């Protein structure tokens, strides 16, 4: 029922080109900065060096709990996150603890992390996702985004594709109501809004593949909307199901650097097959956009896929999915992945 939705804080959002002045205003406030090396280079090439020199810049890869003291004692009133999901998740956590204003300047669109309050960072969340803070301001400069490797941006489509399998899992819970799980009932209003994002992704798939400003803007808008739908609902159920449990299992159990959206897209293929849904629908969108279906290209081995599938259902408490219903063994998962490879749904 619609009354179960909670009020949702909507941040200040800027998406487009010619946003240099908005970014300059942010750095004129002398914020603390968390970024990765690549994003620092991109921003330095976009605004004057004088705006960020002599400011505290922390590299996301060096984050640890001791550094939290630096932000607590800093006189800066705001914290800026620049980069992808890893940097953004870390700053959402820091801002949540310090109560400081949070500004996010994504440099890639590989995930909807900039639009949600949840984080799934290996450095912080040891299992599943935890609550943090939704950004106060988001600036998505399409000129900055377009500088990134195309692969890093189109990966974000995975966080929209996931609605396909997440919606099935949500309905599955609503139909079966297993006693050990206590979730909200299926909300048709929220589900329909989420599914409309999937339809929009399908319509804009070719522009996203071509990496045009129009395609990148449509993807950014879809990622923002998907994040706000989950915030409005109160949790990630509308767009996060078995496919995200699978992606989280890989992210938290293996040291390789993966693109979150690529893992989710792969998970959506596998789970839609387990759900006996129309896999060709998702595969067609993936092929049009240009997302990889090859394990090697994504950076995974056959054994890692199987290990991730075995551990996936334990990634999040109180999230019933097809993985829980089927409760498959290692040998059963091995046979299914071999079958998917044989049918060319995924590739080695």
C-alpha atoms as a PDB file:
ATOM      1  CA  UNK A   1       0.000   0.000   0.000  1.00  0.00           C
ATOM      2  CA  UNK A   2       1.164   3.498  -0.799  1.00  0.00           C
ATOM      3  CA  UNK A   3       0.867   4.573   2.849  1.00  0.00           C
ATOM      4  CA  UNK A   4       3.791   2.289   3.732  1.00  0.00           C
ATOM      5  CA  UNK A   5       6.205   4.500   1.833  1.00  0.00           C
ATOM      6  CA  UNK A   6       8.261   6.854   3.951  1.00  0.00           C
ATOM      7  CA  UNK A   7       9.186  10.468   3.319  1.00  0.00           C
ATOM      8  CA  UNK A   8      12.353  10.791   1.284  1.00  0.00           C
ATOM      9  CA  UNK A   9      14.949  13.536   1.450  1.00  0.00           C
ATOM     10  CA  UNK A  10      15.578  14.798  -2.088  1.00  0.00           C
ATOM     11  CA  UNK A  11      18.998  16.420  -2.508  1.00  0.00           C
ATOM     12  CA  UNK A  12      19.999  19.238  -4.798  1.00  0.00           C
ATOM     13  CA  UNK A  13      20.727  17.684  -8.183  1.00  0.00           C
ATOM     14  CA  UNK A  14      22.582  19.040 -11.182  1.00  0.00           C
ATOM     15  CA  UNK A  15      22.920  16.979 -14.378  1.00  0.00           C
ATOM     16  CA  UNK A  16      24.173  18.304 -17.681  1.00  0.00           C
ATOM     17  CA  UNK A  17      26.968  20.146 -19.407  1.00  0.00           C
ATOM     18  CA  UNK A  18      28.419  23.559 -18.493  1.00  0.00           C
ATOM     19  CA  UNK A  19      28.390  22.797 -14.750  1.00  0.00           C
ATOM     20  CA  UNK A  20      31.883  24.139 -14.119  1.00  0.00           C
ATOM     21  CA  UNK A  21      30.599  27.055 -12.019  1.00  0.00           C
ATOM     22  CA  UNK A  22      28.618  24.684  -9.772  1.00  0.00           C
ATOM     23  CA  UNK A  23      31.750  22.638  -9.154  1.00  0.00           C
ATOM     24  CA  UNK A  24      33.817  25.762  -8.475  1.00  0.00           C
ATOM     25  CA  UNK A  25      31.297  26.839  -5.811  1.00  0.00           C
ATOM     26  CA  UNK A  26      31.765  23.507  -4.058  1.00  0.00           C
ATOM     27  CA  UNK A  27      35.550  23.870  -3.788  1.00  0.00           C
ATOM     28  CA  UNK A  28      35.331  27.509  -2.759  1.00  0.00           C
ATOM     29  CA  UNK A  29      33.725  26.200   0.463  1.00  0.00           C
ATOM     30  CA  UNK A  30      37.083  24.512   1.325  1.00  0.00           C
ATOM     31  CA  UNK A  31      35.665  21.031   1.921  1.00  0.00           C
ATOM     32  CA  UNK A  32      37.551  17.889   2.860  1.00  0.00           C
ATOM     33  CA  UNK A  33      37.922  15.670  -0.213  1.00  0.00           C
ATOM     34  CA  UNK A  34      37.871  11.899  -0.680  1.00  0.00           C
ATOM     35  CA  UNK A  35      38.723  10.694  -4.164  1.00  0.00           C
ATOM     36  CA  UNK A  36      40.750   8.260  -6.218  1.00  0.00           C
ATOM     37  CA  UNK A  37      43.815   9.240  -8.240  1.00  0.00           C
ATOM     38  CA  UNK A  38      42.015   9.260 -11.582  1.00  0.00           C
ATOM     39  CA  UNK A  39      39.192  11.501 -10.374  1.00  0.00           C
ATOM     40  CA  UNK A  40      41.677  13.979  -8.905  1.00  0.00           C
ATOM     41  CA  UNK A  41      43.388  14.225 -12.298  1.00  0.00           C
ATOM     42  CA  UNK A  42      40.047  14.736 -14.040  1.00  0.00           C
ATOM     43  CA  UNK A  43      38.944  17.500 -11.666  1.00  0.00           C
ATOM     44  CA  UNK A  44      42.341  19.218 -11.862  1.00  0.00           C
ATOM     45  CA  UNK A  45      41.909  19.321 -15.620  1.00  0.00           C
ATOM     46  CA  UNK A  46      38.413  20.769 -15.255  1.00  0.00           C
ATOM     47  CA  UNK A  47      38.939  23.605 -12.737  1.00  0.00           C
ATOM     48  CA  UNK A  48      41.862  25.737 -11.599  1.00  0.00           C
ATOM     49  CA  UNK A  49      44.438  23.950  -9.441  1.00  0.00           C
ATOM     50  CA  UNK A  50      44.348  26.805  -6.940  1.00  0.00           C
ATOM     51  CA  UNK A  51      40.837  25.798  -5.904  1.00  0.00           C
ATOM     52  CA  UNK A  52      41.892  22.430  -4.513  1.00  0.00           C
ATOM     53  CA  UNK A  53      45.497  22.930  -3.471  1.00  0.00           C
ATOM     54  CA  UNK A  54      46.066  23.275   0.289  1.00  0.00           C
ATOM     55  CA  UNK A  55      42.872  21.302   0.923  1.00  0.00           C
ATOM     56  CA  UNK A  56      42.759  17.956   2.694  1.00  0.00           C
ATOM     57  CA  UNK A  57      42.571  15.232   0.051  1.00  0.00           C
ATOM     58  CA  UNK A  58      42.238  11.607   1.130  1.00  0.00           C
ATOM     59  CA  UNK A  59      42.565   8.691  -1.250  1.00  0.00           C
ATOM     60  CA  UNK A  60      39.672   6.241  -1.055  1.00  0.00           C
ATOM     61  CA  UNK A  61      42.025   3.259  -1.296  1.00  0.00           C
ATOM     62  CA  UNK A  62      43.823   4.354   1.890  1.00  0.00           C
ATOM     63  CA  UNK A  63      40.687   4.587   4.022  1.00  0.00           C
ATOM     64  CA  UNK A  64      40.710   3.037   7.470  1.00  0.00           C
ATOM     65  CA  UNK A  65      38.920   3.706  10.753  1.00  0.00           C
ATOM     66  CA  UNK A  66      41.770   5.885  12.071  1.00  0.00           C
ATOM     67  CA  UNK A  67      41.188   8.428   9.330  1.00  0.00           C
ATOM     68  CA  UNK A  68      37.699   9.059  10.666  1.00  0.00           C
ATOM     69  CA  UNK A  69      39.316  11.188  13.390  1.00  0.00           C
ATOM     70  CA  UNK A  70      40.676  13.528  10.731  1.00  0.00           C
ATOM     71  CA  UNK A  71      37.165  14.309   9.530  1.00  0.00           C
ATOM     72  CA  UNK A  72      35.723  14.659  13.029  1.00  0.00           C
ATOM     73  CA  UNK A  73      38.356  17.230  13.990  1.00  0.00           C
ATOM     74  CA  UNK A  74      38.438  18.996  10.631  1.00  0.00           C
ATOM     75  CA  UNK A  75      37.013  22.537  10.506  1.00  0.00           C
ATOM     76  CA  UNK A  76      35.562  21.873   7.062  1.00  0.00           C
ATOM     77  CA  UNK A  77      31.770  22.000   7.061  1.00  0.00           C
ATOM     78  CA  UNK A  78      31.380  19.661   4.120  1.00  0.00           C
ATOM     79  CA  UNK A  79      32.940  16.577   2.550  1.00  0.00           C
ATOM     80  CA  UNK A  80      33.206  15.965  -1.181  1.00  0.00           C
ATOM     81  CA  UNK A  81      33.333  12.535  -2.787  1.00  0.00           C
ATOM     82  CA  UNK A  82      34.803  12.296  -6.277  1.00  0.00           C
ATOM     83  CA  UNK A  83      34.997   9.071  -8.252  1.00  0.00           C
ATOM     84  CA  UNK A  84      32.901   5.907  -8.423  1.00  0.00           C
ATOM     85  CA  UNK A  85      31.040   3.735  -5.959  1.00  0.00           C
ATOM     86  CA  UNK A  86      33.971   2.956  -3.639  1.00  0.00           C
ATOM     87  CA  UNK A  87      34.867   6.585  -2.913  1.00  0.00           C
ATOM     88  CA  UNK A  88      31.221   7.618  -2.695  1.00  0.00           C
ATOM     89  CA  UNK A  89      30.302   4.818  -0.264  1.00  0.00           C
ATOM     90  CA  UNK A  90      33.183   5.721   2.043  1.00  0.00           C
ATOM     91  CA  UNK A  91      32.160   9.378   2.176  1.00  0.00           C
ATOM     92  CA  UNK A  92      28.495   8.506   2.729  1.00  0.00           C
ATOM     93  CA  UNK A  93      29.638   6.583   5.796  1.00  0.00           C
ATOM     94  CA  UNK A  94      31.909   9.386   7.052  1.00  0.00           C
ATOM     95  CA  UNK A  95      29.231  12.012   6.513  1.00  0.00           C
ATOM     96  CA  UNK A  96      26.670   9.835   8.294  1.00  0.00           C
ATOM     97  CA  UNK A  97      28.920   9.626  11.380  1.00  0.00           C
ATOM     98  CA  UNK A  98      30.150  13.229  11.402  1.00  0.00           C
ATOM     99  CA  UNK A  99      26.813  14.807  10.344  1.00  0.00           C
ATOM    100  CA  UNK A 100      28.679  16.941   7.817  1.00  0.00           C
ATOM    101  CA  UNK A 101      27.210  18.136   4.522  1.00  0.00           C
ATOM    102  CA  UNK A 102      27.855  15.625   1.749  1.00  0.00           C
ATOM    103  CA  UNK A 103      28.496  16.608  -1.853  1.00  0.00           C
ATOM    104  CA  UNK A 104      29.087  14.007  -4.544  1.00  0.00           C
ATOM    105  CA  UNK A 105      30.717  14.568  -7.932  1.00  0.00           C
ATOM    106  CA  UNK A 106      30.661  11.212  -9.746  1.00  0.00           C
ATOM    107  CA  UNK A 107      33.294  10.711 -12.432  1.00  0.00           C
ATOM    108  CA  UNK A 108      31.733   7.451 -13.678  1.00  0.00           C
ATOM    109  CA  UNK A 109      28.211   5.999 -13.776  1.00  0.00           C
ATOM    110  CA  UNK A 110      29.041   2.404 -12.860  1.00  0.00           C
ATOM    111  CA  UNK A 111      26.525   2.286  -9.983  1.00  0.00           C
ATOM    112  CA  UNK A 112      23.668   4.249  -8.380  1.00  0.00           C
ATOM    113  CA  UNK A 113      25.703   4.735  -5.163  1.00  0.00           C
ATOM    114  CA  UNK A 114      25.380   8.519  -5.486  1.00  0.00           C
ATOM    115  CA  UNK A 115      21.592   8.260  -5.218  1.00  0.00           C
ATOM    116  CA  UNK A 116      21.106   5.965  -2.213  1.00  0.00           C
ATOM    117  CA  UNK A 117      21.696   5.996   1.522  1.00  0.00           C
ATOM    118  CA  UNK A 118      22.958   2.392   1.551  1.00  0.00           C
ATOM    119  CA  UNK A 119      26.589   1.353   1.256  1.00  0.00           C
ATOM    120  CA  UNK A 120      28.225  -1.942   0.400  1.00  0.00           C
ATOM    121  CA  UNK A 121      31.924  -1.257   0.870  1.00  0.00           C
ATOM    122  CA  UNK A 122      34.380  -4.033   1.716  1.00  0.00           C
ATOM    123  CA  UNK A 123      36.242  -1.602   3.985  1.00  0.00           C
ATOM    124  CA  UNK A 124      33.121  -0.822   6.024  1.00  0.00           C
ATOM    125  CA  UNK A 125      30.327  -3.369   5.575  1.00  0.00           C
ATOM    126  CA  UNK A 126      31.673  -6.853   6.213  1.00  0.00           C
ATOM    127  CA  UNK A 127      28.438  -8.491   5.088  1.00  0.00           C
ATOM    128  CA  UNK A 128      25.716  -7.017   2.886  1.00  0.00           C
ATOM    129  CA  UNK A 129      24.746  -3.354   2.932  1.00  0.00           C
ATOM    130  CA  UNK A 130      24.401  -0.917   5.824  1.00  0.00           C
ATOM    131  CA  UNK A 131      22.669   2.412   6.307  1.00  0.00           C
ATOM    132  CA  UNK A 132      24.625   5.629   5.756  1.00  0.00           C
ATOM    133  CA  UNK A 133      23.603   9.003   4.338  1.00  0.00           C
ATOM    134  CA  UNK A 134      22.060  10.099   1.083  1.00  0.00           C
ATOM    135  CA  UNK A 135      24.076  12.988  -0.455  1.00  0.00           C
ATOM    136  CA  UNK A 136      22.949  16.566   0.116  1.00  0.00           C
ATOM    137  CA  UNK A 137      24.084  17.628  -3.336  1.00  0.00           C
ATOM    138  CA  UNK A 138      24.915  15.682  -6.499  1.00  0.00           C
ATOM    139  CA  UNK A 139      26.684  17.222  -9.477  1.00  0.00           C
ATOM    140  CA  UNK A 140      26.853  15.035 -12.582  1.00  0.00           C
ATOM    141  CA  UNK A 141      28.871  16.885 -15.191  1.00  0.00           C
ATOM    142  CA  UNK A 142      28.381  15.012 -18.444  1.00  0.00           C
ATOM    143  CA  UNK A 143      31.648  16.480 -19.715  1.00  0.00           C
ATOM    144  CA  UNK A 144      33.469  14.820 -16.811  1.00  0.00           C
ATOM    145  CA  UNK A 145      31.510  11.560 -17.151  1.00  0.00           C
ATOM    146  CA  UNK A 146      32.239  11.366 -20.876  1.00  0.00           C
ATOM    147  CA  UNK A 147      36.000  11.487 -20.193  1.00  0.00           C
ATOM    148  CA  UNK A 148      35.795   8.077 -18.524  1.00  0.00           C
ATOM    149  CA  UNK A 149      36.235   4.803 -20.358  1.00  0.00           C
ATOM    150  CA  UNK A 150      32.896   3.873 -21.915  1.00  0.00           C
ATOM    151  CA  UNK A 151      32.891   0.560 -20.044  1.00  0.00           C
ATOM    152  CA  UNK A 152      32.860   2.314 -16.651  1.00  0.00           C
ATOM    153  CA  UNK A 153      29.714   4.226 -17.558  1.00  0.00           C
ATOM    154  CA  UNK A 154      27.581   1.659 -19.331  1.00  0.00           C
ATOM    155  CA  UNK A 155      28.147  -0.659 -16.354  1.00  0.00           C
ATOM    156  CA  UNK A 156      25.643   1.497 -14.455  1.00  0.00           C
ATOM    157  CA  UNK A 157      22.857  -0.035 -16.531  1.00  0.00           C
ATOM    158  CA  UNK A 158      23.233  -3.134 -14.353  1.00  0.00           C
ATOM    159  CA  UNK A 159      21.619  -1.303 -11.424  1.00  0.00           C
ATOM    160  CA  UNK A 160      18.521  -0.791 -13.604  1.00  0.00           C
ATOM    161  CA  UNK A 161      18.478  -4.258 -15.168  1.00  0.00           C
ATOM    162  CA  UNK A 162      18.332  -5.671 -11.636  1.00  0.00           C
ATOM    163  CA  UNK A 163      14.734  -4.477 -11.313  1.00  0.00           C
ATOM    164  CA  UNK A 164      13.739  -7.420 -13.539  1.00  0.00           C
ATOM    165  CA  UNK A 165      14.878 -10.134 -11.134  1.00  0.00           C
ATOM    166  CA  UNK A 166      14.347  -8.102  -7.954  1.00  0.00           C
ATOM    167  CA  UNK A 167      10.686  -7.644  -8.847  1.00  0.00           C
ATOM    168  CA  UNK A 168      10.290 -11.421  -9.265  1.00  0.00           C
ATOM    169  CA  UNK A 169      11.987 -12.084  -5.914  1.00  0.00           C
ATOM    170  CA  UNK A 170       9.754  -9.557  -4.193  1.00  0.00           C
ATOM    171  CA  UNK A 171       6.624 -11.196  -5.609  1.00  0.00           C
ATOM    172  CA  UNK A 172       8.023 -14.597  -4.643  1.00  0.00           C
ATOM    173  CA  UNK A 173       8.295 -13.497  -1.021  1.00  0.00           C
ATOM    174  CA  UNK A 174       4.784 -12.051  -1.094  1.00  0.00           C
ATOM    175  CA  UNK A 175       3.359 -15.311  -2.442  1.00  0.00           C
ATOM    176  CA  UNK A 176       5.201 -17.656  -0.088  1.00  0.00           C
ATOM    177  CA  UNK A 177       5.634 -15.631   3.127  1.00  0.00           C
ATOM    178  CA  UNK A 178       8.274 -17.946   4.671  1.00  0.00           C
ATOM    179  CA  UNK A 179       8.077 -17.777   8.470  1.00  0.00           C
ATOM    180  CA  UNK A 180      11.763 -16.985   9.018  1.00  0.00           C
ATOM    181  CA  UNK A 181      11.498 -13.797   6.941  1.00  0.00           C
ATOM    182  CA  UNK A 182       9.612 -10.654   7.933  1.00  0.00           C
ATOM    183  CA  UNK A 183       9.447  -8.254   5.003  1.00  0.00           C
ATOM    184  CA  UNK A 184       6.864  -5.788   3.728  1.00  0.00           C
ATOM    185  CA  UNK A 185       4.307  -7.091   1.262  1.00  0.00           C
ATOM    186  CA  UNK A 186       4.714  -6.542  -2.465  1.00  0.00           C
ATOM    187  CA  UNK A 187       3.914  -2.891  -3.252  1.00  0.00           C
ATOM    188  CA  UNK A 188       2.437  -2.754  -6.738  1.00  0.00           C
ATOM    189  CA  UNK A 189       2.672   1.032  -6.995  1.00  0.00           C
ATOM    190  CA  UNK A 190       6.388   1.111  -6.218  1.00  0.00           C
ATOM    191  CA  UNK A 191       7.003  -1.984  -8.342  1.00  0.00           C
ATOM    192  CA  UNK A 192       5.330  -0.420 -11.379  1.00  0.00           C
ATOM    193  CA  UNK A 193       7.375   2.756 -11.026  1.00  0.00           C
ATOM    194  CA  UNK A 194      10.544   0.658 -10.823  1.00  0.00           C
ATOM    195  CA  UNK A 195       9.574  -1.414 -13.865  1.00  0.00           C
ATOM    196  CA  UNK A 196       8.999   1.796 -15.816  1.00  0.00           C
ATOM    197  CA  UNK A 197      12.699   2.579 -15.318  1.00  0.00           C
ATOM    198  CA  UNK A 198      13.562  -0.766 -16.896  1.00  0.00           C
ATOM    199  CA  UNK A 199      11.353   0.137 -19.876  1.00  0.00           C
ATOM    200  CA  UNK A 200      13.123   3.491 -20.181  1.00  0.00           C
ATOM    201  CA  UNK A 201      16.498   1.758 -20.132  1.00  0.00           C
ATOM    202  CA  UNK A 202      15.383  -0.473 -23.000  1.00  0.00           C
ATOM    203  CA  UNK A 203      14.240   2.558 -25.024  1.00  0.00           C
ATOM    204  CA  UNK A 204      17.503   4.453 -24.438  1.00  0.00           C
ATOM    205  CA  UNK A 205      19.842   1.454 -24.764  1.00  0.00           C
ATOM    206  CA  UNK A 206      21.335   2.443 -28.127  1.00  0.00           C
ATOM    207  CA  UNK A 207      22.139   6.001 -27.029  1.00  0.00           C
ATOM    208  CA  UNK A 208      23.745   4.655 -23.871  1.00  0.00           C
ATOM    209  CA  UNK A 209      25.848   2.281 -25.981  1.00  0.00           C
ATOM    210  CA  UNK A 210      26.929   5.174 -28.223  1.00  0.00           C
ATOM    211  CA  UNK A 211      28.076   7.095 -25.120  1.00  0.00           C
ATOM    212  CA  UNK A 212      26.363  10.301 -26.258  1.00  0.00           C
ATOM    213  CA  UNK A 213      25.525  13.152 -23.889  1.00  0.00           C
ATOM    214  CA  UNK A 214      21.852  12.225 -24.314  1.00  0.00           C
ATOM    215  CA  UNK A 215      22.542   8.576 -23.483  1.00  0.00           C
ATOM    216  CA  UNK A 216      24.662   9.429 -20.444  1.00  0.00           C
ATOM    217  CA  UNK A 217      22.064  11.896 -19.195  1.00  0.00           C
ATOM    218  CA  UNK A 218      19.276   9.317 -19.498  1.00  0.00           C
ATOM    219  CA  UNK A 219      21.372   6.737 -17.640  1.00  0.00           C
ATOM    220  CA  UNK A 220      22.238   9.228 -14.882  1.00  0.00           C
ATOM    221  CA  UNK A 221      18.561  10.111 -14.461  1.00  0.00           C
ATOM    222  CA  UNK A 222      17.564   6.442 -14.282  1.00  0.00           C
ATOM    223  CA  UNK A 223      20.217   5.732 -11.650  1.00  0.00           C
ATOM    224  CA  UNK A 224      19.070   8.690  -9.563  1.00  0.00           C
ATOM    225  CA  UNK A 225      15.433   7.652  -9.813  1.00  0.00           C
ATOM    226  CA  UNK A 226      16.212   4.040  -8.903  1.00  0.00           C
ATOM    227  CA  UNK A 227      18.068   5.217  -5.819  1.00  0.00           C
ATOM    228  CA  UNK A 228      15.295   7.546  -4.722  1.00  0.00           C
ATOM    229  CA  UNK A 229      12.616   4.903  -5.198  1.00  0.00           C
ATOM    230  CA  UNK A 230      14.416   2.669  -2.712  1.00  0.00           C
ATOM    231  CA  UNK A 231      14.913   5.569  -0.306  1.00  0.00           C
ATOM    232  CA  UNK A 232      11.243   6.477  -0.568  1.00  0.00           C
ATOM    233  CA  UNK A 233      10.185   2.877  -0.020  1.00  0.00           C
ATOM    234  CA  UNK A 234      12.563   2.462   2.898  1.00  0.00           C
ATOM    235  CA  UNK A 235      14.865  -0.276   1.586  1.00  0.00           C
ATOM    236  CA  UNK A 236      16.322  -1.668  -1.638  1.00  0.00           C
ATOM    237  CA  UNK A 237      13.651  -4.316  -2.253  1.00  0.00           C
ATOM    238  CA  UNK A 238      12.277  -2.689  -5.474  1.00  0.00           C
ATOM    239  CA  UNK A 239      15.602  -2.977  -7.306  1.00  0.00           C
ATOM    240  CA  UNK A 240      17.717  -5.365  -5.262  1.00  0.00           C
ATOM    241  CA  UNK A 241      17.174  -9.104  -5.084  1.00  0.00           C
ATOM    242  CA  UNK A 242      19.102 -12.290  -5.797  1.00  0.00           C
ATOM    243  CA  UNK A 243      21.208 -10.575  -8.482  1.00  0.00           C
ATOM    244  CA  UNK A 244      22.535  -8.065  -5.925  1.00  0.00           C
ATOM    245  CA  UNK A 245      23.166 -10.785  -3.342  1.00  0.00           C
ATOM    246  CA  UNK A 246      25.305 -12.495  -5.989  1.00  0.00           C
ATOM    247  CA  UNK A 247      27.162  -9.249  -6.842  1.00  0.00           C
ATOM    248  CA  UNK A 248      27.707  -8.434  -3.156  1.00  0.00           C
ATOM    249  CA  UNK A 249      29.029 -11.932  -2.562  1.00  0.00           C
ATOM    250  CA  UNK A 250      31.704 -11.382  -5.208  1.00  0.00           C
ATOM    251  CA  UNK A 251      32.562  -7.875  -4.014  1.00  0.00           C
ATOM    252  CA  UNK A 252      32.968  -8.920  -0.394  1.00  0.00           C
ATOM    253  CA  UNK A 253      34.714 -12.259  -0.881  1.00  0.00           C
ATOM    254  CA  UNK A 254      37.208 -11.605  -3.665  1.00  0.00           C
ATOM    255  CA  UNK A 255      40.004  -9.041  -3.928  1.00  0.00           C
ATOM    256  CA  UNK A 256      39.734  -8.323  -7.641  1.00  0.00           C
ATOM    257  CA  UNK A 257      38.539  -4.911  -8.767  1.00  0.00           C
ATOM    258  CA  UNK A 258      35.143  -5.391 -10.335  1.00  0.00           C
ATOM    259  CA  UNK A 259      32.589  -3.003 -11.786  1.00  0.00           C
ATOM    260  CA  UNK A 260      29.495  -3.295  -9.611  1.00  0.00           C
ATOM    261  CA  UNK A 261      27.080  -2.831 -12.508  1.00  0.00           C
ATOM    262  CA  UNK A 262      28.724  -5.570 -14.568  1.00  0.00           C
ATOM    263  CA  UNK A 263      28.389  -8.020 -11.674  1.00  0.00           C
ATOM    264  CA  UNK A 264      24.735  -7.096 -11.198  1.00  0.00           C
ATOM    265  CA  UNK A 265      24.035  -7.482 -14.928  1.00  0.00           C
ATOM    266  CA  UNK A 266      25.656 -10.930 -14.876  1.00  0.00           C
ATOM    267  CA  UNK A 267      23.644 -11.783 -11.777  1.00  0.00           C
ATOM    268  CA  UNK A 268      20.454 -10.655 -13.519  1.00  0.00           C
ATOM    269  CA  UNK A 269      21.142 -13.086 -16.372  1.00  0.00           C
ATOM    270  CA  UNK A 270      21.800 -15.996 -14.005  1.00  0.00           C
ATOM    271  CA  UNK A 271      18.884 -15.286 -11.674  1.00  0.00           C
ATOM    272  CA  UNK A 272      16.350 -14.691 -14.447  1.00  0.00           C
ATOM    273  CA  UNK A 273      17.268 -18.177 -15.684  1.00  0.00           C
ATOM    274  CA  UNK A 274      16.785 -19.654 -12.199  1.00  0.00           C
ATOM    275  CA  UNK A 275      13.457 -17.797 -11.970  1.00  0.00           C
ATOM    276  CA  UNK A 276      12.387 -19.288 -15.318  1.00  0.00           C
ATOM    277  CA  UNK A 277      11.835 -15.785 -16.689  1.00  0.00           C
ATOM    278  CA  UNK A 278      12.489 -14.653 -20.266  1.00  0.00           C
ATOM    279  CA  UNK A 279      16.296 -14.461 -20.239  1.00  0.00           C
ATOM    280  CA  UNK A 280      16.358 -13.225 -23.852  1.00  0.00           C
ATOM    281  CA  UNK A 281      14.708  -9.942 -22.769  1.00  0.00           C
ATOM    282  CA  UNK A 282      17.620  -9.076 -20.476  1.00  0.00           C
ATOM    283  CA  UNK A 283      20.215 -10.522 -22.841  1.00  0.00           C
ATOM    284  CA  UNK A 284      18.961  -8.319 -25.701  1.00  0.00           C
ATOM    285  CA  UNK A 285      19.311  -5.147 -23.609  1.00  0.00           C
ATOM    286  CA  UNK A 286      22.753  -6.232 -22.400  1.00  0.00           C
ATOM    287  CA  UNK A 287      23.877  -6.874 -25.976  1.00  0.00           C
ATOM    288  CA  UNK A 288      22.550  -3.553 -27.267  1.00  0.00           C
ATOM    289  CA  UNK A 289      24.241  -1.571 -24.489  1.00  0.00           C
ATOM    290  CA  UNK A 290      27.440  -3.586 -24.806  1.00  0.00           C
ATOM    291  CA  UNK A 291      27.697  -4.998 -21.292  1.00  0.00           C
ATOM    292  CA  UNK A 292      29.966  -8.056 -21.059  1.00  0.00           C
ATOM    293  CA  UNK A 293      28.584 -11.579 -20.722  1.00  0.00           C
ATOM    294  CA  UNK A 294      32.047 -13.121 -20.632  1.00  0.00           C
ATOM    295  CA  UNK A 295      33.393 -14.246 -17.254  1.00  0.00           C
ATOM    296  CA  UNK A 296      36.947 -13.544 -18.422  1.00  0.00           C
ATOM    297  CA  UNK A 297      36.081 -10.019 -19.524  1.00  0.00           C
ATOM    298  CA  UNK A 298      34.367  -9.297 -16.212  1.00  0.00           C
ATOM    299  CA  UNK A 299      37.365 -10.763 -14.374  1.00  0.00           C
ATOM    300  CA  UNK A 300      35.842 -13.918 -12.891  1.00  0.00           C
ATOM    301  CA  UNK A 301      36.662 -17.599 -13.001  1.00  0.00           C
ATOM    302  CA  UNK A 302      34.178 -20.462 -13.092  1.00  0.00           C
ATOM    303  CA  UNK A 303      35.092 -21.452  -9.525  1.00  0.00           C
ATOM    304  CA  UNK A 304      34.634 -17.884  -8.248  1.00  0.00           C
ATOM    305  CA  UNK A 305      31.155 -17.772  -9.770  1.00  0.00           C
ATOM    306  CA  UNK A 306      30.213 -21.002  -7.996  1.00  0.00           C
ATOM    307  CA  UNK A 307      31.690 -19.847  -4.662  1.00  0.00           C
ATOM    308  CA  UNK A 308      29.779 -16.563  -4.946  1.00  0.00           C
ATOM    309  CA  UNK A 309      26.506 -18.332  -5.708  1.00  0.00           C
ATOM    310  CA  UNK A 310      26.915 -20.648  -2.702  1.00  0.00           C
ATOM    311  CA  UNK A 311      27.486 -17.694  -0.345  1.00  0.00           C
ATOM    312  CA  UNK A 312      25.033 -15.275  -1.953  1.00  0.00           C
ATOM    313  CA  UNK A 313      21.885 -16.099  -0.002  1.00  0.00           C
ATOM    314  CA  UNK A 314      23.666 -15.239   3.262  1.00  0.00           C
ATOM    315  CA  UNK A 315      24.717 -11.770   2.124  1.00  0.00           C
ATOM    316  CA  UNK A 316      21.675 -10.019   3.539  1.00  0.00           C
ATOM    317  CA  UNK A 317      19.361 -10.945   6.367  1.00  0.00           C
ATOM    318  CA  UNK A 318      15.632 -10.797   5.756  1.00  0.00           C
ATOM    319  CA  UNK A 319      15.787 -10.748   1.934  1.00  0.00           C
ATOM    320  CA  UNK A 320      13.990 -13.786   0.522  1.00  0.00           C
ATOM    321  CA  UNK A 321      14.873 -14.647  -3.085  1.00  0.00           C
ATOM    322  CA  UNK A 322      14.905 -17.454  -5.613  1.00  0.00           C
ATOM    323  CA  UNK A 323      18.239 -18.535  -4.094  1.00  0.00           C
ATOM    324  CA  UNK A 324      16.515 -19.290  -0.793  1.00  0.00           C
ATOM    325  CA  UNK A 325      13.608 -21.099  -2.423  1.00  0.00           C
ATOM    326  CA  UNK A 326      15.808 -23.376  -4.559  1.00  0.00           C
ATOM    327  CA  UNK A 327      18.633 -23.770  -1.998  1.00  0.00           C
ATOM    328  CA  UNK A 328      20.888 -25.346  -4.613  1.00  0.00           C
ATOM    329  CA  UNK A 329      24.031 -27.362  -3.911  1.00  0.00           C
ATOM    330  CA  UNK A 330      27.477 -26.664  -5.366  1.00  0.00           C
ATOM    331  CA  UNK A 331      27.099 -29.403  -7.985  1.00  0.00           C
ATOM    332  CA  UNK A 332      23.676 -28.048  -8.986  1.00  0.00           C
ATOM    333  CA  UNK A 333      25.095 -24.534  -9.419  1.00  0.00           C
ATOM    334  CA  UNK A 334      28.000 -25.980 -11.436  1.00  0.00           C
ATOM    335  CA  UNK A 335      25.580 -27.723 -13.786  1.00  0.00           C
ATOM    336  CA  UNK A 336      23.476 -24.574 -14.200  1.00  0.00           C
ATOM    337  CA  UNK A 337      26.462 -22.358 -15.052  1.00  0.00           C
ATOM    338  CA  UNK A 338      27.728 -24.986 -17.509  1.00  0.00           C
ATOM    339  CA  UNK A 339      24.267 -25.024 -19.068  1.00  0.00           C
ATOM    340  CA  UNK A 340      24.221 -21.213 -19.346  1.00  0.00           C
ATOM    341  CA  UNK A 341      27.619 -21.332 -21.054  1.00  0.00           C
ATOM    342  CA  UNK A 342      26.458 -24.086 -23.414  1.00  0.00           C
ATOM    343  CA  UNK A 343      23.401 -21.999 -24.344  1.00  0.00           C
ATOM    344  CA  UNK A 344      25.645 -18.940 -24.880  1.00  0.00           C
ATOM    345  CA  UNK A 345      23.743 -16.936 -22.276  1.00  0.00           C
ATOM    346  CA  UNK A 346      27.050 -16.315 -20.525  1.00  0.00           C
ATOM    347  CA  UNK A 347      30.525 -17.048 -21.876  1.00  0.00           C
ATOM    348  CA  UNK A 348      33.762 -18.275 -20.303  1.00  0.00           C
END
